[in-house]
C-alpha atoms as a PDB file:
ATOM      1  CA  MET A   1      35.165  30.421 -14.067  1.00  0.00           C
ATOM      2  CA  ARG A   2      32.643  28.821 -16.466  1.00  0.00           C
ATOM      3  CA  SER A   3      29.729  28.899 -14.125  1.00  0.00           C
ATOM      4  CA  MET A   4      30.106  32.647 -13.326  1.00  0.00           C
ATOM      5  CA  SER A   5      30.533  33.190 -16.963  1.00  0.00           C
ATOM      6  CA  ALA A   6      27.064  31.452 -17.384  1.00  0.00           C
ATOM      7  CA  LEU A   7      25.520  33.674 -14.893  1.00  0.00           C
ATOM      8  CA  VAL A   8      26.564  36.557 -16.659  1.00  0.00           C
ATOM      9  CA  GLN A   9      25.629  35.522 -20.009  1.00  0.00           C
ATOM     10  CA  ASP A  10      22.282  34.647 -18.433  1.00  0.00           C
ATOM     11  CA  TRP A  11      21.660  38.495 -17.199  1.00  0.00           C
ATOM     12  CA  ALA A  12      23.162  39.635 -20.464  1.00  0.00           C
ATOM     13  CA  LEU A  13      20.311  37.803 -22.385  1.00  0.00           C
ATOM     14  CA  ILE A  14      17.702  38.977 -19.901  1.00  0.00           C
ATOM     15  CA  ALA A  15      18.984  42.759 -20.221  1.00  0.00           C
ATOM     16  CA  PHE A  16      18.923  42.391 -24.116  1.00  0.00           C
ATOM     17  CA  CYS A  17      15.520  41.239 -23.969  1.00  0.00           C
ATOM     18  CA  PHE A  18      14.342  44.465 -22.161  1.00  0.00           C
ATOM     19  CA  VAL A  19      16.594  46.372 -24.440  1.00  0.00           C
ATOM     20  CA  CYS A  20      14.609  45.059 -27.524  1.00  0.00           C
ATOM     21  CA  ALA A  21      11.456  45.527 -25.972  1.00  0.00           C
ATOM     22  CA  ILE A  22      12.072  49.250 -25.014  1.00  0.00           C
ATOM     23  CA  TYR A  23      13.464  50.167 -28.332  1.00  0.00           C
ATOM     24  CA  PHE A  24      11.036  48.010 -30.528  1.00  0.00           C
ATOM     25  CA  PRO A  25       7.702  48.220 -28.745  1.00  0.00           C
ATOM     26  CA  HIS A  26       5.518  45.848 -30.789  1.00  0.00           C
ATOM     27  CA  PRO A  27       3.292  42.852 -29.466  1.00  0.00           C
ATOM     28  CA  VAL A  28       5.490  40.157 -31.343  1.00  0.00           C
ATOM     29  CA  VAL A  29       8.568  41.410 -29.580  1.00  0.00           C
ATOM     30  CA  TYR A  30       7.075  41.766 -26.015  1.00  0.00           C
ATOM     31  CA  LEU A  31       5.951  38.005 -26.810  1.00  0.00           C
ATOM     32  CA  VAL A  32       9.269  36.854 -27.921  1.00  0.00           C
ATOM     33  CA  ALA A  33      11.000  38.390 -25.192  1.00  0.00           C
ATOM     34  CA  ALA A  34       8.676  37.118 -22.553  1.00  0.00           C
ATOM     35  CA  VAL A  35       9.425  33.672 -23.704  1.00  0.00           C
ATOM     36  CA  VAL A  36      13.143  34.120 -23.753  1.00  0.00           C
ATOM     37  CA  ILE A  37      13.098  35.667 -20.255  1.00  0.00           C
ATOM     38  CA  ALA A  38      11.204  32.882 -18.739  1.00  0.00           C
ATOM     39  CA  ARG A  39      13.492  30.501 -20.307  1.00  0.00           C
ATOM     40  CA  THR A  40      16.418  32.319 -18.812  1.00  0.00           C
ATOM     41  CA  GLN A  41      14.626  32.545 -15.558  1.00  0.00           C
ATOM     42  CA  LEU A  42      14.697  28.701 -15.777  1.00  0.00           C
ATOM     43  CA  ALA A  43      18.284  29.013 -16.650  1.00  0.00           C
ATOM     44  CA  LEU A  44      18.510  31.074 -13.415  1.00  0.00           C
ATOM     45  CA  ALA A  45      16.862  28.577 -11.402  1.00  0.00           C
ATOM     46  CA  VAL A  46      19.346  25.577 -12.675  1.00  0.00           C
ATOM     47  CA  LEU A  47      22.282  27.696 -11.570  1.00  0.00           C
ATOM     48  CA  MET A  48      20.471  28.248  -7.937  1.00  0.00           C
ATOM     49  CA  HIS A  49      20.396  24.460  -8.329  1.00  0.00           C
ATOM     50  CA  GLU A  50      24.098  24.284  -8.868  1.00  0.00           C
ATOM     51  CA  SER A  51      24.417  26.547  -5.776  1.00  0.00           C
ATOM     52  CA  ALA A  52      22.255  24.058  -3.839  1.00  0.00           C
ATOM     53  CA  HIS A  53      24.708  21.568  -4.556  1.00  0.00           C
ATOM     54  CA  GLY A  54      27.715  23.582  -3.517  1.00  0.00           C
ATOM     55  CA  VAL A  55      29.282  23.826  -6.973  1.00  0.00           C
ATOM     56  CA  LEU A  56      28.509  27.203  -8.374  1.00  0.00           C
ATOM     57  CA  THR A  57      31.776  28.524  -6.924  1.00  0.00           C
ATOM     58  CA  ASN A  58      34.626  26.846  -4.895  1.00  0.00           C
ATOM     59  CA  LYS A  59      34.256  28.624  -1.745  1.00  0.00           C
ATOM     60  CA  ARG A  60      30.917  27.557   0.058  1.00  0.00           C
ATOM     61  CA  SER A  61      30.004  31.148   1.651  1.00  0.00           C
ATOM     62  CA  VAL A  62      30.529  32.784  -1.915  1.00  0.00           C
ATOM     63  CA  ASN A  63      28.423  29.899  -3.479  1.00  0.00           C
ATOM     64  CA  ASP A  64      25.673  30.656  -1.206  1.00  0.00           C
ATOM     65  CA  PHE A  65      25.720  34.202  -1.461  1.00  0.00           C
ATOM     66  CA  VAL A  66      25.834  34.406  -5.076  1.00  0.00           C
ATOM     67  CA  GLY A  67      23.408  31.468  -5.362  1.00  0.00           C
ATOM     68  CA  GLN A  68      21.108  33.247  -3.330  1.00  0.00           C
ATOM     69  CA  VAL A  69      21.267  36.834  -4.735  1.00  0.00           C
ATOM     70  CA  PHE A  70      21.783  36.456  -8.318  1.00  0.00           C
ATOM     71  CA  THR A  71      19.774  33.332  -8.937  1.00  0.00           C
ATOM     72  CA  ALA A  72      17.118  32.582  -6.230  1.00  0.00           C
ATOM     73  CA  ALA A  73      16.325  36.257  -5.189  1.00  0.00           C
ATOM     74  CA  PRO A  74      15.337  37.709  -8.533  1.00  0.00           C
ATOM     75  CA  LEU A  75      12.807  34.750  -8.859  1.00  0.00           C
ATOM     76  CA  MET A  76      11.760  35.460  -5.095  1.00  0.00           C
ATOM     77  CA  LEU A  77      12.814  32.230  -3.911  1.00  0.00           C
ATOM     78  CA  SER A  78      15.101  30.971  -1.094  1.00  0.00           C
ATOM     79  CA  MET A  79      18.206  28.916  -2.312  1.00  0.00           C
ATOM     80  CA  PHE A  80      18.598  27.422   1.229  1.00  0.00           C
ATOM     81  CA  ALA A  81      14.946  26.030   1.455  1.00  0.00           C
ATOM     82  CA  TYR A  82      15.421  24.761  -2.116  1.00  0.00           C
ATOM     83  CA  ARG A  83      18.568  23.190  -1.116  1.00  0.00           C
ATOM     84  CA  GLN A  84      16.752  21.275   2.027  1.00  0.00           C
ATOM     85  CA  GLY A  85      14.168  19.568  -0.437  1.00  0.00           C
ATOM     86  CA  HIS A  86      16.451  19.103  -3.076  1.00  0.00           C
ATOM     87  CA  MET A  87      18.777  17.092  -1.055  1.00  0.00           C
ATOM     88  CA  GLN A  88      15.919  14.969  -0.164  1.00  0.00           C
ATOM     89  CA  HIS A  89      15.064  14.257  -3.716  1.00  0.00           C
ATOM     90  CA  HIS A  90      18.505  12.872  -4.547  1.00  0.00           C
ATOM     91  CA  ARG A  91      18.534  10.531  -1.549  1.00  0.00           C
ATOM     92  CA  SER A  92      15.334   8.913  -3.085  1.00  0.00           C
ATOM     93  CA  PRO A  93      13.733  10.500  -6.220  1.00  0.00           C
ATOM     94  CA  MET A  94      10.190   9.631  -6.826  1.00  0.00           C
ATOM     95  CA  ALA A  95       9.746   8.053  -3.273  1.00  0.00           C
ATOM     96  CA  SER A  96       6.756   9.016  -1.236  1.00  0.00           C
ATOM     97  CA  ASN A  97       8.527  11.581   0.561  1.00  0.00           C
ATOM     98  CA  ASP A  98      10.294  13.298  -2.575  1.00  0.00           C
ATOM     99  CA  PRO A  99       9.661  17.074  -2.415  1.00  0.00           C
ATOM    100  CA  VAL A 100      10.364  17.626  -6.242  1.00  0.00           C
ATOM    101  CA  ALA A 101       8.095  14.876  -7.520  1.00  0.00           C
ATOM    102  CA  ILE A 102       5.159  15.956  -5.053  1.00  0.00           C
ATOM    103  CA  VAL A 103       5.367  19.708  -5.716  1.00  0.00           C
ATOM    104  CA  PHE A 104       5.755  19.354  -9.528  1.00  0.00           C
ATOM    105  CA  GLY A 105       2.992  16.688  -9.514  1.00  0.00           C
ATOM    106  CA  ILE A 106       4.858  14.051 -11.514  1.00  0.00           C
ATOM    107  CA  THR A 107       4.011  11.155  -9.191  1.00  0.00           C
ATOM    108  CA  ASP A 108       0.748   9.855 -11.063  1.00  0.00           C
ATOM    109  CA  TYR A 109       2.388   9.135 -14.656  1.00  0.00           C
ATOM    110  CA  PRO A 110       1.420   7.928 -16.898  1.00  0.00           C
ATOM    111  CA  ILE A 111      -1.817   9.947 -17.266  1.00  0.00           C
ATOM    112  CA  PRO A 112      -4.201  10.766 -20.186  1.00  0.00           C
ATOM    113  CA  ARG A 113      -2.674  13.460 -22.771  1.00  0.00           C
ATOM    114  CA  GLY A 114      -5.904  15.465 -22.068  1.00  0.00           C
ATOM    115  CA  LYS A 115      -4.966  15.806 -18.450  1.00  0.00           C
ATOM    116  CA  LEU A 116      -1.581  16.788 -19.397  1.00  0.00           C
ATOM    117  CA  ALA A 117      -2.762  19.417 -21.785  1.00  0.00           C
ATOM    118  CA  TRP A 118      -5.123  20.608 -18.854  1.00  0.00           C
ATOM    119  CA  ARG A 119      -2.164  20.859 -16.286  1.00  0.00           C
ATOM    120  CA  LEU A 120      -0.161  22.662 -18.928  1.00  0.00           C
ATOM    121  CA  LEU A 121      -2.980  25.239 -19.518  1.00  0.00           C
ATOM    122  CA  LYS A 122      -3.293  25.810 -15.928  1.00  0.00           C
ATOM    123  CA  ASP A 123       0.469  26.626 -15.929  1.00  0.00           C
ATOM    124  CA  LEU A 124       0.159  29.302 -18.942  1.00  0.00           C
ATOM    125  CA  THR A 125      -2.624  30.831 -17.237  1.00  0.00           C
ATOM    126  CA  SER A 126      -0.619  31.175 -13.902  1.00  0.00           C
ATOM    127  CA  ILE A 127      -3.417  28.964 -12.035  1.00  0.00           C
ATOM    128  CA  SER A 128      -0.811  26.218 -11.392  1.00  0.00           C
ATOM    129  CA  TYR A 129       1.556  28.872  -9.469  1.00  0.00           C
ATOM    130  CA  PHE A 130      -1.200  30.468  -7.214  1.00  0.00           C
ATOM    131  CA  LEU A 131      -2.444  26.883  -6.307  1.00  0.00           C
ATOM    132  CA  THR A 132       1.139  25.856  -5.453  1.00  0.00           C
ATOM    133  CA  ILE A 133       1.492  29.232  -3.290  1.00  0.00           C
ATOM    134  CA  ARG A 134      -1.838  28.325  -1.747  1.00  0.00           C
ATOM    135  CA  ASP A 135      -0.811  24.685  -0.832  1.00  0.00           C
ATOM    136  CA  PHE A 136       2.321  26.112   0.925  1.00  0.00           C
ATOM    137  CA  ALA A 137       0.664  28.649   2.797  1.00  0.00           C
ATOM    138  CA  ASN A 138      -1.990  25.863   3.989  1.00  0.00           C
ATOM    139  CA  GLY A 139       0.947  23.922   5.095  1.00  0.00           C
ATOM    140  CA  LYS A 140       0.135  21.121   2.837  1.00  0.00           C
ATOM    141  CA  HIS A 141       3.829  20.346   2.095  1.00  0.00           C
ATOM    142  CA  ARG A 142       4.905  21.063   5.678  1.00  0.00           C
ATOM    143  CA  ALA A 143       6.310  17.579   6.198  1.00  0.00           C
ATOM    144  CA  LEU A 144       8.137  17.562   3.180  1.00  0.00           C
ATOM    145  CA  PHE A 145      10.248  20.637   4.386  1.00  0.00           C
ATOM    146  CA  PRO A 146      10.591  20.270   8.275  1.00  0.00           C
ATOM    147  CA  PRO A 147      12.472  23.100   9.904  1.00  0.00           C
ATOM    148  CA  VAL A 148      16.101  23.254   9.916  1.00  0.00           C
ATOM    149  CA  LYS A 149      18.571  25.226  11.924  1.00  0.00           C
ATOM    150  CA  SER A 150      19.467  27.840   9.477  1.00  0.00           C
ATOM    151  CA  LYS A 151      22.983  29.685   9.002  1.00  0.00           C
ATOM    152  CA  PRO A 152      23.123  32.986  10.891  1.00  0.00           C
ATOM    153  CA  GLY A 153      22.127  35.464   8.658  1.00  0.00           C
ATOM    154  CA  SER A 154      20.558  33.280   6.116  1.00  0.00           C
ATOM    155  CA  THR A 155      16.930  34.286   6.551  1.00  0.00           C
ATOM    156  CA  ALA A 156      17.939  38.115   6.668  1.00  0.00           C
ATOM    157  CA  LEU A 157      19.818  37.290   3.357  1.00  0.00           C
ATOM    158  CA  VAL A 158      16.830  35.636   1.462  1.00  0.00           C
ATOM    159  CA  LEU A 159      14.455  38.742   2.529  1.00  0.00           C
ATOM    160  CA  VAL A 160      16.969  41.442   1.850  1.00  0.00           C
ATOM    161  CA  SER A 161      18.035  40.159  -1.455  1.00  0.00           C
ATOM    162  CA  ILE A 162      14.562  39.411  -2.812  1.00  0.00           C
ATOM    163  CA  LEU A 163      13.627  42.948  -1.898  1.00  0.00           C
ATOM    164  CA  VAL A 164      16.842  44.344  -3.395  1.00  0.00           C
ATOM    165  CA  THR A 165      17.304  42.433  -6.660  1.00  0.00           C
ATOM    166  CA  ASN A 166      13.565  42.939  -7.512  1.00  0.00           C
ATOM    167  CA  GLY A 167      13.727  46.778  -6.600  1.00  0.00           C
ATOM    168  CA  ILE A 168      16.790  47.279  -8.363  1.00  0.00           C
ATOM    169  CA  LEU A 169      15.391  45.644 -11.667  1.00  0.00           C
ATOM    170  CA  LEU A 170      11.874  47.665 -11.081  1.00  0.00           C
ATOM    171  CA  GLY A 171      14.168  51.071 -10.189  1.00  0.00           C
ATOM    172  CA  VAL A 172      16.103  50.517 -13.531  1.00  0.00           C
ATOM    173  CA  LEU A 173      12.990  50.137 -15.577  1.00  0.00           C
ATOM    174  CA  THR A 174      11.264  52.939 -13.862  1.00  0.00           C
ATOM    175  CA  THR A 175      14.263  55.513 -14.578  1.00  0.00           C
ATOM    176  CA  LEU A 176      13.939  54.261 -18.138  1.00  0.00           C
ATOM    177  CA  GLY A 177      10.233  55.293 -18.138  1.00  0.00           C
ATOM    178  CA  HIS A 178       9.166  51.679 -18.489  1.00  0.00           C
ATOM    179  CA  ALA A 179       8.061  50.418 -14.922  1.00  0.00           C
ATOM    180  CA  GLY A 180       5.209  48.505 -16.644  1.00  0.00           C
ATOM    181  CA  LEU A 181       7.926  45.985 -18.215  1.00  0.00           C
ATOM    182  CA  TYR A 182       8.656  44.646 -14.657  1.00  0.00           C
ATOM    183  CA  VAL A 183       5.349  43.199 -14.392  1.00  0.00           C
ATOM    184  CA  GLY A 184       4.936  42.452 -18.109  1.00  0.00           C
ATOM    185  CA  LEU A 185       8.224  40.853 -18.850  1.00  0.00           C
ATOM    186  CA  TRP A 186       9.482  39.902 -15.523  1.00  0.00           C
ATOM    187  CA  ILE A 187       6.738  38.755 -13.057  1.00  0.00           C
ATOM    188  CA  LEU A 188       4.155  37.641 -15.822  1.00  0.00           C
ATOM    189  CA  PRO A 189       6.532  35.344 -17.671  1.00  0.00           C
ATOM    190  CA  ALA A 190       7.523  33.898 -14.484  1.00  0.00           C
ATOM    191  CA  LEU A 191       3.905  33.034 -13.725  1.00  0.00           C
ATOM    192  CA  THR A 192       3.111  31.767 -17.058  1.00  0.00           C
ATOM    193  CA  PHE A 193       5.877  30.464 -19.483  1.00  0.00           C
ATOM    194  CA  LEU A 194       8.338  29.348 -16.894  1.00  0.00           C
ATOM    195  CA  GLN A 195       5.496  27.143 -15.274  1.00  0.00           C
ATOM    196  CA  VAL A 196       5.557  25.441 -18.640  1.00  0.00           C
ATOM    197  CA  PHE A 197       9.029  25.270 -18.898  1.00  0.00           C
ATOM    198  CA  GLY A 198       9.424  23.815 -15.447  1.00  0.00           C
ATOM    199  CA  ARG A 199       6.937  21.217 -15.659  1.00  0.00           C
ATOM    200  CA  ILE A 200       8.211  19.776 -18.918  1.00  0.00           C
ATOM    201  CA  ARG A 201      11.583  19.621 -17.324  1.00  0.00           C
ATOM    202  CA  ALA A 202      10.116  17.935 -14.268  1.00  0.00           C
ATOM    203  CA  ILE A 203       8.225  15.470 -16.125  1.00  0.00           C
ATOM    204  CA  THR A 204      11.483  14.542 -18.590  1.00  0.00           C
ATOM    205  CA  GLU A 205      13.597  13.951 -15.314  1.00  0.00           C
ATOM    206  CA  HIS A 206      11.470  11.320 -13.709  1.00  0.00           C
ATOM    207  CA  ALA A 207       8.061  11.034 -14.476  1.00  0.00           C
ATOM    208  CA  ALA A 208       6.573   7.281 -14.835  1.00  0.00           C
ATOM    209  CA  TYR A 209       9.345   5.891 -12.965  1.00  0.00           C
ATOM    210  CA  PRO A 210       8.855   4.067  -9.639  1.00  0.00           C
ATOM    211  CA  PRO A 211      11.287   4.765  -6.788  1.00  0.00           C
ATOM    212  CA  GLY A 212      14.570   2.461  -6.736  1.00  0.00           C
ATOM    213  CA  GLU A 213      17.778   2.492  -5.386  1.00  0.00           C
ATOM    214  CA  ASP A 214      19.469   2.319  -9.121  1.00  0.00           C
ATOM    215  CA  GLN A 215      19.173   6.093 -10.059  1.00  0.00           C
ATOM    216  CA  ILE A 216      20.477   5.334 -13.308  1.00  0.00           C
ATOM    217  CA  LYS A 217      17.393   3.724 -14.167  1.00  0.00           C
ATOM    218  CA  ASN A 218      15.505   6.472 -12.245  1.00  0.00           C
ATOM    219  CA  ALA A 219      16.006   9.427 -14.725  1.00  0.00           C
ATOM    220  CA  ARG A 220      16.137  10.342 -18.187  1.00  0.00           C
ATOM    221  CA  THR A 221      18.740  12.180 -20.302  1.00  0.00           C
ATOM    222  CA  ILE A 222      17.986  14.140 -23.361  1.00  0.00           C
ATOM    223  CA  THR A 223      21.120  13.291 -25.638  1.00  0.00           C
ATOM    224  CA  ARG A 224      21.253  15.756 -28.468  1.00  0.00           C
ATOM    225  CA  PRO A 225      21.395  19.522 -27.445  1.00  0.00           C
ATOM    226  CA  SER A 226      18.880  21.624 -29.679  1.00  0.00           C
ATOM    227  CA  TRP A 227      16.525  24.453 -29.506  1.00  0.00           C
ATOM    228  CA  GLN A 228      14.496  22.008 -27.377  1.00  0.00           C
ATOM    229  CA  THR A 229      17.132  21.701 -24.533  1.00  0.00           C
ATOM    230  CA  PHE A 230      17.904  25.683 -24.784  1.00  0.00           C
ATOM    231  CA  PHE A 231      14.186  26.236 -23.461  1.00  0.00           C
ATOM    232  CA  PHE A 232      13.599  23.113 -21.370  1.00  0.00           C
ATOM    233  CA  GLY A 233      17.290  21.929 -20.294  1.00  0.00           C
ATOM    234  CA  PRO A 234      19.372  24.954 -19.980  1.00  0.00           C
ATOM    235  CA  HIS A 235      22.855  24.348 -18.534  1.00  0.00           C
ATOM    236  CA  CYS A 236      23.106  20.968 -19.310  1.00  0.00           C
ATOM    237  CA  ILE A 237      20.471  19.898 -16.739  1.00  0.00           C
ATOM    238  CA  HIS A 238      18.923  17.601 -19.369  1.00  0.00           C
ATOM    239  CA  TYR A 239      21.979  15.435 -18.826  1.00  0.00           C
ATOM    240  CA  HIS A 240      20.035  13.966 -15.590  1.00  0.00           C
ATOM    241  CA  ILE A 241      21.065  10.622 -15.232  1.00  0.00           C
ATOM    242  CA  GLU A 242      24.537  11.831 -15.106  1.00  0.00           C
ATOM    243  CA  HIS A 243      23.736  14.656 -12.677  1.00  0.00           C
ATOM    244  CA  HIS A 244      22.189  11.836 -10.419  1.00  0.00           C
ATOM    245  CA  GLN A 245      25.403   9.758 -10.623  1.00  0.00           C
ATOM    246  CA  TYR A 246      27.728  12.518 -10.052  1.00  0.00           C
ATOM    247  CA  VAL A 247      25.908  15.026  -7.889  1.00  0.00           C
ATOM    248  CA  ARG A 248      29.036  17.131  -7.131  1.00  0.00           C
ATOM    249  CA  ALA A 249      30.055  17.783 -10.985  1.00  0.00           C
ATOM    250  CA  PRO A 250      29.363  21.225 -12.172  1.00  0.00           C
ATOM    251  CA  PHE A 251      26.928  21.371 -15.073  1.00  0.00           C
ATOM    252  CA  TYR A 252      29.799  22.005 -17.538  1.00  0.00           C
ATOM    253  CA  ARG A 253      31.150  18.630 -16.966  1.00  0.00           C
ATOM    254  CA  LEU A 254      28.016  16.549 -17.680  1.00  0.00           C
ATOM    255  CA  PRO A 255      28.559  16.421 -21.356  1.00  0.00           C
ATOM    256  CA  GLU A 256      31.884  14.833 -20.877  1.00  0.00           C
ATOM    257  CA  ILE A 257      30.594  12.385 -18.308  1.00  0.00           C
ATOM    258  CA  HIS A 258      27.544  11.339 -20.447  1.00  0.00           C
ATOM    259  CA  GLN A 259      30.330  10.289 -23.161  1.00  0.00           C
ATOM    260  CA  ILE A 260      32.289   8.415 -20.627  1.00  0.00           C
ATOM    261  CA  MET A 261      28.949   6.565 -19.062  1.00  0.00           C
ATOM    262  CA  LYS A 262      28.092   5.793 -22.786  1.00  0.00           C
ATOM    263  CA  SER A 263      31.429   4.531 -23.767  1.00  0.00           C
ATOM    264  CA  GLN A 264      31.273   2.342 -20.561  1.00  0.00           C
ATOM    265  CA  GLY A 265      27.862   0.760 -21.578  1.00  0.00           C
ATOM    266  CA  ILE A 266      26.185   1.674 -18.400  1.00  0.00           C
ATOM    267  CA  LEU A 267      23.482   4.178 -19.634  1.00  0.00           C
ATOM    268  CA  PRO A 268      20.130   2.270 -20.246  1.00  0.00           C
ATOM    269  CA  ALA A 269      19.073   2.878 -23.861  1.00  0.00           C
ATOM    270  CA  GLU A 270      15.266   3.018 -22.745  1.00  0.00           C
ATOM    271  CA  ASN A 271      16.126   6.164 -20.603  1.00  0.00           C
ATOM    272  CA  LEU A 272      17.897   7.948 -23.414  1.00  0.00           C
ATOM    273  CA  TYR A 273      15.905  10.436 -25.571  1.00  0.00           C
ATOM    274  CA  GLN A 274      16.871  12.847 -28.411  1.00  0.00           C
ATOM    275  CA  GLY A 275      13.925  15.409 -27.677  1.00  0.00           C
ATOM    276  CA  TYR A 276      11.113  16.147 -25.269  1.00  0.00           C
ATOM    277  CA  GLY A 277       8.228  15.342 -27.526  1.00  0.00           C
ATOM    278  CA  LYS A 278       9.013  11.466 -27.195  1.00  0.00           C
ATOM    279  CA  VAL A 279       9.121  11.778 -23.604  1.00  0.00           C
ATOM    280  CA  LEU A 280       5.693  13.403 -23.222  1.00  0.00           C
ATOM    281  CA  LYS A 281       4.102  10.751 -25.705  1.00  0.00           C
ATOM    282  CA  ASP A 282       5.649   7.975 -23.564  1.00  0.00           C
ATOM    283  CA  VAL A 283       4.425   9.211 -20.476  1.00  0.00           C
ATOM    284  CA  THR A 284       0.698   9.894 -21.449  1.00  0.00           C
ATOM    285  CA  THR A 285      -1.874   7.551 -22.766  1.00  0.00           C
END
């Protein structure tokens, strides 16, 4: 299955980065490993997104288990809570009750470029992460995520999976004599580089668009896979118009869907971009 293959490849790349950092202990190697690991943490988040849509595996119970244990838990997230907010996002992107738009702070674009630079700096220094945690702890986003009846055992699965997956990662690194890499190459990249990648991804998908029923005009697609999509749009999530039109299509079908929609002439040219730089330029002043 292509989704499982992608998941294995993500974890293999993460393992490779740790191996490089262990055998070649140099500041440049640490920096490159941290950036690539953060990018691959974003890739895991995209596969969590696949699980939230129920398309990571064919069987729903397996889909939820794999999505929570192997994609969400290592990032200390709940796939079930994410699913709740994300489904609301798909019902009405950029509306006043869109959790994605509000949590990622993309409701006020276009903004001055200096303001965007300040936001990215806060991401890179982990300030944004801790401010988000504070907002959730203070109940600022409670209305966006109303309580829902959880499946039996889902809360326990979330807590146990977070403890076990991170415990295994820390345990393996400790056994190898490199416990510090858990903080330096797993926690720190998640608090810094991952926040930058996630913000740029969120901006590209919907920023500066008003709410509207026609979601073809309410999202952007990056049409050319490149090193940019490797970092900011892994697993074809950069085909975002296509994803909003066919929410049950697995990520590996999105390039094909893009070509079909393009041949039908239903993709708005003004919503198609070749790279992320042009998007950031267009949503800032």
